[in-house]
C-alpha atoms as a PDB file:
ATOM      1  CA  MET A   1      24.237   8.541  28.300  1.00  0.00           C
ATOM      2  CA  HIS A   2      21.177   6.292  28.519  1.00  0.00           C
ATOM      3  CA  HIS A   3      18.933   9.227  27.531  1.00  0.00           C
ATOM      4  CA  LEU A   4      20.985   9.857  24.351  1.00  0.00           C
ATOM      5  CA  ALA A   5      20.831   6.189  23.342  1.00  0.00           C
ATOM      6  CA  ILE A   6      17.032   6.197  23.622  1.00  0.00           C
ATOM      7  CA  LYS A   7      16.811   9.350  21.485  1.00  0.00           C
ATOM      8  CA  ALA A   8      19.072   7.794  18.833  1.00  0.00           C
ATOM      9  CA  MET A   9      16.943   4.636  18.713  1.00  0.00           C
ATOM     10  CA  ALA A  10      13.734   6.671  18.377  1.00  0.00           C
ATOM     11  CA  ALA A  11      15.246   8.718  15.538  1.00  0.00           C
ATOM     12  CA  ALA A  12      16.354   5.551  13.741  1.00  0.00           C
ATOM     13  CA  LEU A  13      12.841   4.098  13.980  1.00  0.00           C
ATOM     14  CA  LEU A  14      11.277   7.288  12.627  1.00  0.00           C
ATOM     15  CA  VAL A  15      13.695   7.395   9.716  1.00  0.00           C
ATOM     16  CA  GLY A  16      13.217   3.694   8.935  1.00  0.00           C
ATOM     17  CA  ALA A  17       9.426   3.900   9.079  1.00  0.00           C
ATOM     18  CA  GLY A  18       9.137   5.647   5.749  1.00  0.00           C
ATOM     19  CA  THR A  19      11.984   4.020   3.863  1.00  0.00           C
ATOM     20  CA  GLY A  20      10.613   0.557   3.314  1.00  0.00           C
ATOM     21  CA  ALA A  21      11.801  -1.374   6.354  1.00  0.00           C
ATOM     22  CA  VAL A  22       9.051  -2.897   8.448  1.00  0.00           C
ATOM     23  CA  THR A  23       9.562  -1.236  11.797  1.00  0.00           C
ATOM     24  CA  ARG A  24       6.137  -1.217  13.408  1.00  0.00           C
ATOM     25  CA  ILE A  25       4.645  -4.448  14.701  1.00  0.00           C
ATOM     26  CA  ASN A  26       0.898  -4.136  14.849  1.00  0.00           C
ATOM     27  CA  ASN A  27      -1.352  -7.182  14.931  1.00  0.00           C
ATOM     28  CA  ASN A  28      -4.655  -5.710  13.892  1.00  0.00           C
ATOM     29  CA  SER A  29      -6.859  -8.567  12.778  1.00  0.00           C
ATOM     30  CA  SER A  30      -9.943  -7.099  14.478  1.00  0.00           C
ATOM     31  CA  GLY A  31      -9.964  -4.039  12.212  1.00  0.00           C
ATOM     32  CA  ASP A  32      -9.892  -1.650  15.175  1.00  0.00           C
ATOM     33  CA  LEU A  33      -6.948   0.703  15.337  1.00  0.00           C
ATOM     34  CA  PRO A  34      -4.740   0.562  18.395  1.00  0.00           C
ATOM     35  CA  ARG A  35      -4.686   3.763  20.433  1.00  0.00           C
ATOM     36  CA  ASP A  36      -0.997   4.416  19.858  1.00  0.00           C
ATOM     37  CA  VAL A  37      -0.999   4.542  16.042  1.00  0.00           C
ATOM     38  CA  LEU A  38       1.135   7.333  14.623  1.00  0.00           C
ATOM     39  CA  ASN A  39       0.847   7.343  10.850  1.00  0.00           C
ATOM     40  CA  PRO A  40       3.795   8.245   8.674  1.00  0.00           C
ATOM     41  CA  MET A  41       3.347  11.363   6.567  1.00  0.00           C
ATOM     42  CA  VAL A  42       2.685  10.782   2.876  1.00  0.00           C
ATOM     43  CA  GLY A  43       3.725  13.400   0.356  1.00  0.00           C
ATOM     44  CA  GLY A  44       4.464  15.753   3.230  1.00  0.00           C
ATOM     45  CA  GLU A  45       0.852  15.535   4.432  1.00  0.00           C
ATOM     46  CA  ALA A  46      -0.454  14.161   7.718  1.00  0.00           C
ATOM     47  CA  MET A  47      -2.575  11.031   7.320  1.00  0.00           C
ATOM     48  CA  LEU A  48      -5.354  10.993   9.918  1.00  0.00           C
ATOM     49  CA  THR A  49      -6.565   7.654  11.274  1.00  0.00           C
ATOM     50  CA  LYS A  50     -10.136   8.976  11.586  1.00  0.00           C
ATOM     51  CA  SER A  51     -10.303   9.946   7.891  1.00  0.00           C
ATOM     52  CA  SER A  52     -11.192   7.696   4.964  1.00  0.00           C
ATOM     53  CA  ILE A  53      -8.682   6.250   2.538  1.00  0.00           C
ATOM     54  CA  TYR A  54      -9.961   8.567  -0.188  1.00  0.00           C
ATOM     55  CA  ASP A  55      -9.758  11.703   1.955  1.00  0.00           C
ATOM     56  CA  ASN A  56      -6.231  10.938   3.158  1.00  0.00           C
ATOM     57  CA  ILE A  57      -4.680   9.798  -0.118  1.00  0.00           C
ATOM     58  CA  GLY A  58      -6.388  12.723  -1.850  1.00  0.00           C
ATOM     59  CA  LYS A  59      -4.268  15.095   0.262  1.00  0.00           C
ATOM     60  CA  SER A  60      -0.983  13.604  -0.940  1.00  0.00           C
ATOM     61  CA  PRO A  61       0.580  15.560  -3.811  1.00  0.00           C
ATOM     62  CA  GLU A  62       2.475  12.344  -4.667  1.00  0.00           C
ATOM     63  CA  HIS A  63      -0.740  10.412  -5.393  1.00  0.00           C
ATOM     64  CA  THR A  64      -2.736  12.593  -7.805  1.00  0.00           C
ATOM     65  CA  ALA A  65      -2.405   9.970 -10.579  1.00  0.00           C
ATOM     66  CA  PHE A  66      -3.737   7.227  -8.283  1.00  0.00           C
ATOM     67  CA  VAL A  67      -6.647   9.446  -7.172  1.00  0.00           C
ATOM     68  CA  ALA A  68      -7.471  10.163 -10.834  1.00  0.00           C
ATOM     69  CA  ALA A  69      -7.345   6.415 -11.573  1.00  0.00           C
ATOM     70  CA  ALA A  70      -9.659   5.721  -8.614  1.00  0.00           C
ATOM     71  CA  LYS A  71     -12.137   8.317  -9.904  1.00  0.00           C
ATOM     72  CA  ALA A  72     -11.945   6.909 -13.455  1.00  0.00           C
ATOM     73  CA  SER A  73     -12.591   3.406 -12.063  1.00  0.00           C
ATOM     74  CA  GLN A  74     -15.555   4.746 -10.059  1.00  0.00           C
ATOM     75  CA  LEU A  75     -13.889   3.803  -6.763  1.00  0.00           C
ATOM     76  CA  ALA A  76     -14.058   7.160  -4.992  1.00  0.00           C
ATOM     77  CA  ASP A  77     -17.229   6.303  -3.054  1.00  0.00           C
ATOM     78  CA  MET A  78     -15.927   2.853  -2.100  1.00  0.00           C
ATOM     79  CA  LEU A  79     -12.745   4.394  -0.692  1.00  0.00           C
ATOM     80  CA  LYS A  80     -14.834   6.776   1.449  1.00  0.00           C
ATOM     81  CA  VAL A  81     -17.222   4.326   3.123  1.00  0.00           C
ATOM     82  CA  SER A  82     -16.746   2.076   6.125  1.00  0.00           C
ATOM     83  CA  GLY A  83     -15.265  -1.345   5.689  1.00  0.00           C
ATOM     84  CA  ALA A  84     -11.784  -2.753   5.555  1.00  0.00           C
ATOM     85  CA  LEU A  85      -9.660  -2.341   2.437  1.00  0.00           C
ATOM     86  CA  THR A  86      -5.954  -2.403   1.719  1.00  0.00           C
ATOM     87  CA  VAL A  87      -4.804  -0.044  -1.015  1.00  0.00           C
ATOM     88  CA  PHE A  88      -1.409  -0.492  -2.645  1.00  0.00           C
ATOM     89  CA  ALA A  89      -1.007   3.094  -3.852  1.00  0.00           C
ATOM     90  CA  PRO A  90       1.640   3.844  -6.482  1.00  0.00           C
ATOM     91  CA  THR A  91       3.233   7.280  -6.490  1.00  0.00           C
ATOM     92  CA  ASN A  92       3.017   9.762  -9.368  1.00  0.00           C
ATOM     93  CA  ALA A  93       6.636   8.849 -10.202  1.00  0.00           C
ATOM     94  CA  ALA A  94       5.562   5.205 -10.602  1.00  0.00           C
ATOM     95  CA  TYR A  95       2.819   6.210 -13.061  1.00  0.00           C
ATOM     96  CA  ALA A  96       5.241   8.522 -14.919  1.00  0.00           C
ATOM     97  CA  ALA A  97       7.657   5.606 -15.444  1.00  0.00           C
ATOM     98  CA  LEU A  98       5.070   3.690 -17.495  1.00  0.00           C
ATOM     99  CA  SER A  99       4.901   3.762 -21.274  1.00  0.00           C
ATOM    100  CA  HIS A 100       1.962   5.717 -22.702  1.00  0.00           C
ATOM    101  CA  ASP A 101      -0.037   2.539 -23.459  1.00  0.00           C
ATOM    102  CA  ALA A 102       0.654   1.012 -20.044  1.00  0.00           C
ATOM    103  CA  SER A 103      -0.193   4.319 -18.348  1.00  0.00           C
ATOM    104  CA  THR A 104      -3.554   4.456 -20.134  1.00  0.00           C
ATOM    105  CA  GLU A 105      -4.271   0.856 -19.090  1.00  0.00           C
ATOM    106  CA  ALA A 106      -3.124   1.462 -15.485  1.00  0.00           C
ATOM    107  CA  ARG A 107      -5.514   4.377 -15.086  1.00  0.00           C
ATOM    108  CA  LYS A 108      -8.378   1.977 -15.849  1.00  0.00           C
ATOM    109  CA  GLU A 109      -7.143  -0.741 -13.488  1.00  0.00           C
ATOM    110  CA  ALA A 110      -7.178   0.886 -10.038  1.00  0.00           C
ATOM    111  CA  ARG A 111      -9.359  -1.985  -8.755  1.00  0.00           C
ATOM    112  CA  TYR A 112      -6.335  -4.265  -9.176  1.00  0.00           C
ATOM    113  CA  LEU A 113      -4.475  -2.245  -6.515  1.00  0.00           C
ATOM    114  CA  ILE A 114      -7.136  -2.789  -3.841  1.00  0.00           C
ATOM    115  CA  VAL A 115      -7.543  -5.900  -1.694  1.00  0.00           C
ATOM    116  CA  PRO A 116     -10.523  -6.528   0.612  1.00  0.00           C
ATOM    117  CA  GLY A 117      -9.373  -6.679   4.247  1.00  0.00           C
ATOM    118  CA  ARG A 118      -6.872  -4.800   6.388  1.00  0.00           C
ATOM    119  CA  TYR A 119      -3.345  -6.029   5.555  1.00  0.00           C
ATOM    120  CA  ASP A 120      -0.823  -4.115   7.635  1.00  0.00           C
ATOM    121  CA  SER A 121       2.852  -5.094   7.628  1.00  0.00           C
ATOM    122  CA  GLN A 122       2.492  -7.445  10.590  1.00  0.00           C
ATOM    123  CA  THR A 123      -0.395  -9.292   8.924  1.00  0.00           C
ATOM    124  CA  LEU A 124       1.477  -9.538   5.623  1.00  0.00           C
ATOM    125  CA  LEU A 125       4.658 -10.788   7.305  1.00  0.00           C
ATOM    126  CA  GLY A 126       2.692 -13.386   9.248  1.00  0.00           C
ATOM    127  CA  LEU A 127       0.954 -14.663   6.115  1.00  0.00           C
ATOM    128  CA  ILE A 128       4.174 -14.707   4.075  1.00  0.00           C
ATOM    129  CA  ASN A 129       5.912 -16.741   6.782  1.00  0.00           C
ATOM    130  CA  ALA A 130       2.943 -19.083   7.277  1.00  0.00           C
ATOM    131  CA  LYS A 131       2.656 -19.764   3.538  1.00  0.00           C
ATOM    132  CA  GLY A 132       6.329 -20.583   2.999  1.00  0.00           C
ATOM    133  CA  GLY A 133       7.612 -17.318   1.600  1.00  0.00           C
ATOM    134  CA  GLU A 134       4.769 -15.808  -0.403  1.00  0.00           C
ATOM    135  CA  VAL A 135       1.056 -15.225  -0.145  1.00  0.00           C
ATOM    136  CA  LYS A 136      -1.538 -14.625  -2.874  1.00  0.00           C
ATOM    137  CA  LEU A 137      -3.937 -11.722  -2.322  1.00  0.00           C
ATOM    138  CA  LYS A 138      -7.204 -11.483  -4.292  1.00  0.00           C
ATOM    139  CA  THR A 139      -7.877  -7.982  -5.609  1.00  0.00           C
ATOM    140  CA  LEU A 140     -11.206  -6.218  -6.157  1.00  0.00           C
ATOM    141  CA  GLU A 141     -10.610  -6.607  -9.879  1.00  0.00           C
ATOM    142  CA  GLY A 142     -10.516 -10.392  -9.416  1.00  0.00           C
ATOM    143  CA  GLY A 143      -6.818 -10.795 -10.072  1.00  0.00           C
ATOM    144  CA  THR A 144      -3.977 -11.788  -7.795  1.00  0.00           C
ATOM    145  CA  LEU A 145      -1.079  -9.936  -6.194  1.00  0.00           C
ATOM    146  CA  THR A 146       1.722 -11.979  -4.663  1.00  0.00           C
ATOM    147  CA  ALA A 147       3.311 -10.623  -1.466  1.00  0.00           C
ATOM    148  CA  MET A 148       6.815 -11.830  -0.596  1.00  0.00           C
ATOM    149  CA  LEU A 149       9.949 -10.692   1.181  1.00  0.00           C
ATOM    150  CA  ASN A 150      12.616  -8.680  -0.606  1.00  0.00           C
ATOM    151  CA  GLY A 151      15.433  -9.054   1.873  1.00  0.00           C
ATOM    152  CA  PRO A 152      14.966  -9.812   5.560  1.00  0.00           C
ATOM    153  CA  THR A 153      12.422  -7.062   6.312  1.00  0.00           C
ATOM    154  CA  ASN A 154      11.122  -5.472   3.093  1.00  0.00           C
ATOM    155  CA  ILE A 155       7.831  -6.633   1.616  1.00  0.00           C
ATOM    156  CA  ALA A 156       7.505  -6.705  -2.168  1.00  0.00           C
ATOM    157  CA  LEU A 157       4.473  -7.326  -4.369  1.00  0.00           C
ATOM    158  CA  MET A 158       4.433  -9.046  -7.752  1.00  0.00           C
ATOM    159  CA  ASP A 159       1.663  -8.559 -10.286  1.00  0.00           C
ATOM    160  CA  GLU A 160       0.350 -11.106 -12.793  1.00  0.00           C
ATOM    161  CA  GLN A 161       2.780  -9.808 -15.441  1.00  0.00           C
ATOM    162  CA  GLY A 162       5.811 -10.469 -13.230  1.00  0.00           C
ATOM    163  CA  HIS A 163       6.513  -6.823 -12.312  1.00  0.00           C
ATOM    164  CA  VAL A 164       7.682  -6.268  -8.735  1.00  0.00           C
ATOM    165  CA  ALA A 165       7.019  -3.247  -6.523  1.00  0.00           C
ATOM    166  CA  ASP A 166       8.461  -2.549  -3.097  1.00  0.00           C
ATOM    167  CA  ILE A 167       6.409  -1.008  -0.335  1.00  0.00           C
ATOM    168  CA  SER A 168       8.089   2.335   0.298  1.00  0.00           C
ATOM    169  CA  ILE A 169       5.803   3.596   3.091  1.00  0.00           C
ATOM    170  CA  TYR A 170       4.171   1.032   5.354  1.00  0.00           C
ATOM    171  CA  ASP A 171       0.988   0.969   7.411  1.00  0.00           C
ATOM    172  CA  VAL A 172      -0.810   4.234   6.773  1.00  0.00           C
ATOM    173  CA  TYR A 173      -3.924   3.468   8.812  1.00  0.00           C
ATOM    174  CA  GLN A 174      -7.305   4.923   7.883  1.00  0.00           C
ATOM    175  CA  ARG A 175     -10.796   4.652   9.309  1.00  0.00           C
ATOM    176  CA  ASN A 176     -11.701   2.134   6.597  1.00  0.00           C
ATOM    177  CA  GLY A 177      -8.450   0.292   5.992  1.00  0.00           C
ATOM    178  CA  VAL A 178      -4.754   0.716   5.410  1.00  0.00           C
ATOM    179  CA  VAL A 179      -2.630   2.174   2.618  1.00  0.00           C
ATOM    180  CA  GLN A 180       0.734   0.752   1.603  1.00  0.00           C
ATOM    181  CA  VAL A 181       2.614   3.141  -0.708  1.00  0.00           C
ATOM    182  CA  ILE A 182       4.387   1.289  -3.534  1.00  0.00           C
ATOM    183  CA  ASP A 183       7.121   2.374  -5.928  1.00  0.00           C
ATOM    184  CA  ARG A 184       5.759   0.775  -9.115  1.00  0.00           C
ATOM    185  CA  VAL A 185       2.368   0.449 -10.767  1.00  0.00           C
ATOM    186  CA  LEU A 186       1.156  -3.152 -10.712  1.00  0.00           C
ATOM    187  CA  LEU A 187      -1.082  -4.431 -13.493  1.00  0.00           C
ATOM    188  CA  PRO A 188      -3.318  -7.456 -14.010  1.00  0.00           C
ATOM    189  CA  LYS A 189      -2.578 -10.135 -16.571  1.00  0.00           C
ATOM    190  CA  ALA A 190      -2.242  -8.663 -20.065  1.00  0.00           C
ATOM    191  CA  PRO A 191      -5.252  -9.404 -22.245  1.00  0.00           C
ATOM    192  CA  ARG A 192      -4.598 -12.009 -24.936  1.00  0.00           C
ATOM    193  CA  ALA A 193      -4.176 -10.652 -28.419  1.00  0.00           C
ATOM    194  CA  SER A 194      -6.990 -11.728 -30.694  1.00  0.00           C
ATOM    195  CA  SER A 195      -5.977 -13.776 -33.727  1.00  0.00           C
END
């Protein structure tokens, strides 16, 4: 009976890992990956911890729009080199949900979806709790994303226009950072209309 209970718990954790609930606790402030990291699959593809962000996310058939946006923003090389970055990667479905004008703008704003540093779920939860419920993250583009809780365990992000995205796949570790898959494209503050 004990053996069956352990199997059921393991299955529940595997199912929950990709659905948005924070299930893995991993304090990784040093930037080094723990030995026991098992990445979730993204778009049906294995994400290898020894590969770069660009190489891994480029394998996902659910992230072709994000990869195109990264290329258009001249970020491909940055996402291949060493360092520590966190990428909030929207799915193709998130890009498809945008209006034509917003989609054109989003494809130019991939830098807004990247934050310097390695922010896994444990780090984000710790910062959100320490800052009283939300934390501001500075993006490569120079804007701000706000991380907060959406329910007791789900982390959500709000852009400068007030749009909110949930993290749908947490903690996809890479050699040079971590990817958090999000369900909506986040955009920087809308430019002011000229008079």
